[in-house]
Amino acid sequence: MNKAEIFYFSGSGNSLAVARDIAGEIDAKLTEVTSVADRENINCDAGIVGFVFPIYDFKHPSLIEKTVKKFKNLDTKYIFAVCTFGIDPSNAMKIFDKLIKSCEGELAGGFTVRMPHNGIGSGLFSKKQHELMFNNWKIKLRSVKDYILKREKGRLETSNMPVNIVFSGILFRMIPIVLKLITVVLMKGWESLTLTCNEKCDGCGICEKICPVNNIQMIDNRPSWLTDKCMGCFSCFHWCPREAVKTGKINMNMKNYHHPDVRISDILDQRMAQRKVGSL
């Protein structure tokens, strides 16, 4: 029961980089949640179980919740979680704590890690700011490792979102983008923000492969977004090698980004390998 396993979800590679760092420190197995989320049950023999994920709308992604609910023995585990965020984590760890409790588990520790923002307005952040975030995480990694290995309990990191956003200056820098977004939606509806591709697309199909919920299908050598299953992870946007995927017809100052230490093969190879193991 001293084994450790980390279940992670990552769109741009931020959460994978964090999960990989922790796994290296505590000798944990890494499992990508898309490879197990569709199983009827998840039976994990590790005594230490971690969940690492980005937050969307200040909470865990639906894919993480779907995965957690498949566990049948969380009450026997030492559980920790780490959320990566670009703007503010708010009460994401408290929300995740409620999910774990609803599945009869106990969240021993919940940590927040700032990583480069990759959604609307991500172009407002510089590479120098990104490097500072990476360095801060390397420092924090030591305390996270010690906390887990000592089996400590009771730490759930939160933030005062209104205060942090105002004093960081992010709010004022985001106002023009948000106003543009609201105006377009009011005039043209939400469909104006639908993901599309432009003339740069060469039909490579990477967007179809990287989509965690299989919401993209290549039709006539062009990607087609099929349903409303989209999680808003923007994996298709960030991993397109030709930067051909666009968020509608307006400029929301989104910059193509993925973690510098993560390659697309890091995500796809592990996902496919674990799915093959699960099908045996």
Protein backbone atom coordinates (compact mmCIF):
# COMPACT_ATOMS: atom_id res chain seq x y z
CA MET A 1 0.00 0.00 0.00
CA ASN A 2 3.03 2.30 -0.14
CA LYS A 3 2.72 2.63 -3.91
CA ALA A 4 1.78 6.01 -5.36
CA GLU A 5 -0.18 6.82 -8.52
CA ILE A 6 -1.00 10.23 -9.97
CA PHE A 7 -4.01 10.68 -12.23
CA TYR A 8 -3.66 13.78 -14.37
CA PHE A 9 -5.36 15.72 -17.10
CA SER A 10 -3.50 18.28 -19.17
CA GLY A 11 -4.45 20.40 -22.16
CA SER A 12 -1.44 22.62 -22.77
CA GLY A 13 1.03 20.44 -20.86
CA ASN A 14 1.16 22.59 -17.70
CA SER A 15 -0.50 19.99 -15.48
CA LEU A 16 1.46 17.15 -17.07
CA ALA A 17 4.73 18.95 -16.26
CA VAL A 18 3.62 19.41 -12.64
CA ALA A 19 2.40 15.81 -12.33
CA ARG A 20 5.63 14.51 -13.82
CA ASP A 21 7.72 16.56 -11.39
CA ILE A 22 5.82 15.26 -8.37
CA ALA A 23 5.90 11.69 -9.67
CA GLY A 24 9.68 11.91 -9.93
CA GLU A 25 9.96 13.07 -6.33
CA ILE A 26 7.65 10.48 -4.75
CA ASP A 27 8.27 7.60 -7.19
CA ALA A 28 4.69 7.54 -8.48
CA LYS A 29 3.10 5.99 -11.53
CA LEU A 30 1.53 8.47 -13.97
CA THR A 31 -1.91 7.80 -15.45
CA GLU A 32 -3.66 10.12 -17.91
CA VAL A 33 -7.36 10.28 -17.00
CA THR A 34 -8.68 10.06 -20.57
CA SER A 35 -7.32 6.51 -20.69
CA VAL A 36 -9.41 5.37 -17.69
CA ALA A 37 -12.41 7.72 -17.50
CA ASP A 38 -14.65 5.44 -19.56
CA ARG A 39 -14.04 2.33 -17.46
CA GLU A 40 -16.90 1.09 -15.34
CA ASN A 41 -14.69 1.02 -12.25
CA ILE A 42 -11.18 2.16 -11.44
CA ASN A 43 -9.34 -0.20 -9.12
CA CYS A 44 -6.12 1.34 -7.86
CA ASP A 45 -3.77 -0.60 -5.56
CA ALA A 46 -1.67 2.44 -4.63
CA GLY A 47 -1.81 3.72 -1.07
CA ILE A 48 -1.09 7.30 -2.20
CA VAL A 49 -3.34 8.71 -4.92
CA GLY A 50 -2.88 12.14 -6.48
CA PHE A 51 -4.97 14.16 -8.91
CA VAL A 52 -3.37 16.92 -10.98
CA PHE A 53 -5.42 19.11 -13.30
CA PRO A 54 -6.01 22.63 -14.63
CA ILE A 55 -9.04 24.56 -13.42
CA TYR A 56 -11.78 25.76 -15.75
CA ASP A 57 -14.21 28.37 -14.40
CA PHE A 58 -12.42 28.10 -11.02
CA LYS A 59 -13.11 24.38 -10.55
CA HIS A 60 -11.88 20.99 -11.69
CA PRO A 61 -12.70 19.81 -15.26
CA SER A 62 -15.71 17.56 -15.79
CA LEU A 63 -13.37 14.79 -16.98
CA ILE A 64 -11.66 14.76 -13.59
CA GLU A 65 -15.00 14.51 -11.79
CA LYS A 66 -16.06 11.66 -14.07
CA THR A 67 -12.83 9.85 -13.25
CA VAL A 68 -12.97 10.37 -9.48
CA LYS A 69 -16.51 8.97 -9.35
CA LYS A 70 -15.26 5.69 -10.88
CA PHE A 71 -13.06 4.94 -7.84
CA LYS A 72 -14.54 2.42 -5.42
CA ASN A 73 -11.92 2.49 -2.66
CA LEU A 74 -10.95 6.12 -2.07
CA ASP A 75 -11.68 5.73 1.64
CA THR A 76 -8.52 3.60 1.96
CA LYS A 77 -6.20 6.10 0.23
CA TYR A 78 -4.02 9.03 1.18
CA ILE A 79 -5.27 11.57 -1.37
CA PHE A 80 -3.69 14.80 -2.55
CA ALA A 81 -4.52 17.13 -5.41
CA VAL A 82 -2.81 19.91 -7.33
CA CYS A 83 -4.58 22.38 -9.59
CA THR A 84 -2.76 24.57 -12.09
CA PHE A 85 -4.19 28.00 -12.82
CA GLY A 86 -3.40 31.03 -14.95
CA ILE A 87 -5.44 33.82 -13.36
CA ASP A 88 -6.61 32.75 -9.89
CA PRO A 89 -7.43 29.42 -8.18
CA SER A 90 -10.21 30.85 -5.97
CA ASN A 91 -11.82 27.96 -4.00
CA ALA A 92 -11.05 25.20 -6.52
CA MET A 93 -9.46 22.98 -3.88
CA LYS A 94 -12.45 23.31 -1.55
CA ILE A 95 -14.76 22.36 -4.41
CA PHE A 96 -12.58 19.36 -5.20
CA ASP A 97 -12.57 18.44 -1.50
CA LYS A 98 -16.38 18.23 -1.61
CA LEU A 99 -16.15 15.89 -4.61
CA ILE A 100 -13.71 13.60 -2.80
CA LYS A 101 -15.92 13.55 0.31
CA SER A 102 -18.95 12.65 -1.82
CA CYS A 103 -16.95 9.60 -2.95
CA GLU A 104 -16.16 8.63 0.67
CA GLY A 105 -12.57 9.82 0.51
CA GLU A 106 -10.56 12.44 2.39
CA LEU A 107 -8.48 15.07 0.62
CA ALA A 108 -5.35 15.26 2.76
CA GLY A 109 -3.78 18.12 0.83
CA GLY A 110 -4.81 20.48 -1.95
CA PHE A 111 -2.19 22.66 -3.64
CA THR A 112 -2.42 25.46 -6.21
CA VAL A 113 0.30 26.14 -8.78
CA ARG A 114 0.36 29.14 -11.04
CA MET A 115 1.32 28.29 -14.60
CA PRO A 116 1.09 30.33 -17.82
CA HIS A 117 -2.50 31.34 -18.61
CA ASN A 118 -3.54 29.91 -21.99
CA GLY A 119 -7.12 31.09 -22.42
CA ILE A 120 -8.66 34.44 -23.36
CA GLY A 121 -6.13 37.21 -22.86
CA SER A 122 -3.11 34.90 -22.62
CA GLY A 123 -1.20 37.18 -24.97
CA LEU A 124 -0.99 39.72 -22.14
CA PHE A 125 1.66 37.63 -20.36
CA SER A 126 5.35 37.67 -21.34
CA LYS A 127 7.89 34.86 -21.53
CA LYS A 128 9.68 36.47 -18.58
CA GLN A 129 6.51 36.08 -16.52
CA HIS A 130 6.24 32.47 -17.67
CA GLU A 131 9.81 31.75 -16.53
CA LEU A 132 9.06 33.23 -13.12
CA MET A 133 6.08 30.86 -12.78
CA PHE A 134 8.21 27.85 -13.74
CA ASN A 135 10.90 28.81 -11.22
CA ASN A 136 8.36 29.39 -8.44
CA TRP A 137 6.93 25.94 -9.03
CA LYS A 138 10.35 24.28 -8.78
CA ILE A 139 10.76 25.93 -5.37
CA LYS A 140 7.28 24.93 -4.21
CA LEU A 141 7.78 21.35 -5.41
CA ARG A 142 10.06 20.67 -2.43
CA SER A 143 7.40 21.50 0.14
CA VAL A 144 4.71 19.58 -1.78
CA LYS A 145 6.98 16.51 -1.89
CA ASP A 146 7.74 16.72 1.84
CA TYR A 147 4.05 17.14 2.70
CA ILE A 148 3.04 14.04 0.73
CA LEU A 149 5.87 11.80 1.92
CA LYS A 150 5.18 12.74 5.54
CA ARG A 151 1.48 11.96 5.00
CA GLU A 152 0.46 15.33 6.39
CA LYS A 153 -3.17 16.43 6.38
CA GLY A 154 -5.32 19.56 6.48
CA ARG A 155 -3.83 21.90 3.87
CA LEU A 156 -6.25 23.22 1.25
CA GLU A 157 -4.88 26.24 -0.57
CA THR A 158 -7.33 28.96 -1.63
CA SER A 159 -7.14 32.63 -2.60
CA ASN A 160 -9.01 35.90 -2.23
CA MET A 161 -9.88 36.17 -5.91
CA PRO A 162 -11.25 39.79 -6.08
CA VAL A 163 -8.27 41.19 -4.18
CA ASN A 164 -5.66 39.19 -6.12
CA ILE A 165 -7.08 40.07 -9.53
CA VAL A 166 -7.40 43.78 -8.75
CA PHE A 167 -3.94 44.20 -7.24
CA SER A 168 -2.22 42.11 -9.90
CA GLY A 169 -3.48 44.48 -12.59
CA ILE A 170 -4.95 41.61 -14.61
CA LEU A 171 -8.49 42.93 -14.32
CA PHE A 172 -7.70 46.27 -15.95
CA ARG A 173 -5.68 44.68 -18.72
CA MET A 174 -8.48 42.22 -19.47
CA ILE A 175 -11.28 44.83 -19.66
CA PRO A 176 -10.89 45.66 -23.41
CA ILE A 177 -10.89 41.96 -24.33
CA VAL A 178 -13.89 41.14 -22.15
CA LEU A 179 -15.85 44.10 -23.55
CA LYS A 180 -15.09 42.96 -27.10
CA LEU A 181 -16.19 39.43 -26.21
CA ILE A 182 -19.46 40.60 -24.67
CA THR A 183 -20.21 42.86 -27.65
CA VAL A 184 -19.67 40.10 -30.21
CA VAL A 185 -21.78 37.60 -28.23
CA LEU A 186 -24.63 40.09 -27.86
CA MET A 187 -24.58 40.95 -31.57
CA LYS A 188 -23.83 37.57 -33.12
CA GLY A 189 -24.55 34.98 -30.42
CA TRP A 190 -22.31 32.35 -28.84
CA GLU A 191 -21.95 30.52 -32.14
CA SER A 192 -19.62 33.33 -33.24
CA LEU A 193 -17.02 31.89 -30.87
CA THR A 194 -17.13 28.39 -32.37
CA LEU A 195 -13.72 26.85 -32.99
CA THR A 196 -12.74 26.83 -36.65
CA CYS A 197 -9.64 26.45 -38.79
CA ASN A 198 -8.30 28.79 -41.44
CA GLU A 199 -6.42 28.38 -44.72
CA LYS A 200 -3.21 27.42 -42.88
CA CYS A 201 -4.66 23.98 -42.08
CA ASP A 202 -2.83 21.18 -43.91
CA GLY A 203 -5.04 18.33 -42.64
CA CYS A 204 -2.41 16.79 -40.36
CA GLY A 205 -5.09 15.60 -37.90
CA ILE A 206 -3.23 16.50 -34.71
CA CYS A 207 -6.26 18.37 -33.38
CA GLU A 208 -8.37 15.21 -33.75
CA LYS A 209 -5.79 13.11 -31.89
CA ILE A 210 -5.22 15.58 -29.05
CA CYS A 211 -8.88 16.27 -28.23
CA PRO A 212 -9.50 14.59 -24.84
CA VAL A 213 -13.22 14.04 -25.45
CA ASN A 214 -13.09 12.94 -29.13
CA ASN A 215 -15.03 16.01 -30.22
CA ILE A 216 -13.10 16.51 -33.47
CA GLN A 217 -13.34 14.47 -36.65
CA MET A 218 -11.39 14.99 -39.85
CA ILE A 219 -13.83 15.40 -42.75
CA ASP A 220 -12.45 16.05 -46.25
CA ASN A 221 -9.03 16.63 -44.67
CA ARG A 222 -10.37 19.40 -42.43
CA PRO A 223 -11.28 19.29 -38.73
CA SER A 224 -14.94 19.39 -37.78
CA TRP A 225 -16.01 20.08 -34.20
CA LEU A 226 -18.88 17.64 -33.78
CA THR A 227 -20.91 18.29 -30.63
CA ASP A 228 -21.18 20.37 -27.50
CA LYS A 229 -18.85 18.01 -25.58
CA CYS A 230 -16.02 20.57 -25.81
CA MET A 231 -14.33 21.07 -22.42
CA GLY A 232 -12.78 24.38 -23.34
CA CYS A 233 -9.24 23.03 -22.82
CA PHE A 234 -8.07 24.57 -26.14
CA SER A 235 -5.74 21.61 -26.79
CA CYS A 236 -6.60 21.78 -30.49
CA PHE A 237 -5.72 25.48 -30.53
CA HIS A 238 -2.42 25.20 -28.68
CA TRP A 239 -1.02 22.06 -30.31
CA CYS A 240 -1.82 22.89 -33.95
CA PRO A 241 1.64 23.02 -35.59
CA ARG A 242 0.46 25.58 -38.14
CA GLU A 243 -1.57 27.72 -35.70
CA ALA A 244 -4.57 27.17 -37.96
CA VAL A 245 -7.21 26.69 -35.24
CA LYS A 246 -9.05 29.87 -34.29
CA THR A 247 -11.61 30.76 -31.64
CA GLY A 248 -14.32 32.19 -33.84
CA LYS A 249 -13.81 35.30 -35.92
CA ILE A 250 -12.66 37.74 -33.25
CA ASN A 251 -9.25 38.36 -31.73
CA MET A 252 -9.38 37.43 -28.04
CA ASN A 253 -5.63 37.93 -27.60
CA MET A 254 -4.98 34.22 -27.16
CA LYS A 255 -1.42 33.12 -27.74
CA ASN A 256 -0.53 29.62 -28.90
CA TYR A 257 1.24 28.00 -25.99
CA HIS A 258 2.30 24.69 -24.55
CA HIS A 259 4.64 23.98 -21.67
CA PRO A 260 8.23 24.15 -22.99
CA ASP A 261 9.17 20.82 -21.39
CA VAL A 262 6.21 18.91 -22.85
CA ARG A 263 5.89 17.55 -26.38
CA ILE A 264 2.69 16.41 -28.01
CA SER A 265 4.09 12.87 -28.07
CA ASP A 266 4.35 12.99 -24.26
CA ILE A 267 0.58 13.31 -24.10
CA LEU A 268 -0.45 11.07 -27.00
CA ASP A 269 2.00 8.21 -26.45
CA GLN A 270 1.06 7.71 -22.81
CA ARG A 271 -2.64 8.05 -23.56
CA MET A 272 -2.52 5.37 -26.25
CA ALA A 273 -0.27 3.02 -24.25
CA GLN A 274 -2.58 3.09 -21.24
CA ARG A 275 -5.67 2.53 -23.37
CA LYS A 276 -4.02 -0.57 -24.86
CA VAL A 277 -3.24 -1.89 -21.36
CA GLY A 278 -6.83 -1.24 -20.28
CA SER A 279 -8.21 -3.16 -23.25
CA LEU A 280 -6.18 -6.30 -22.56
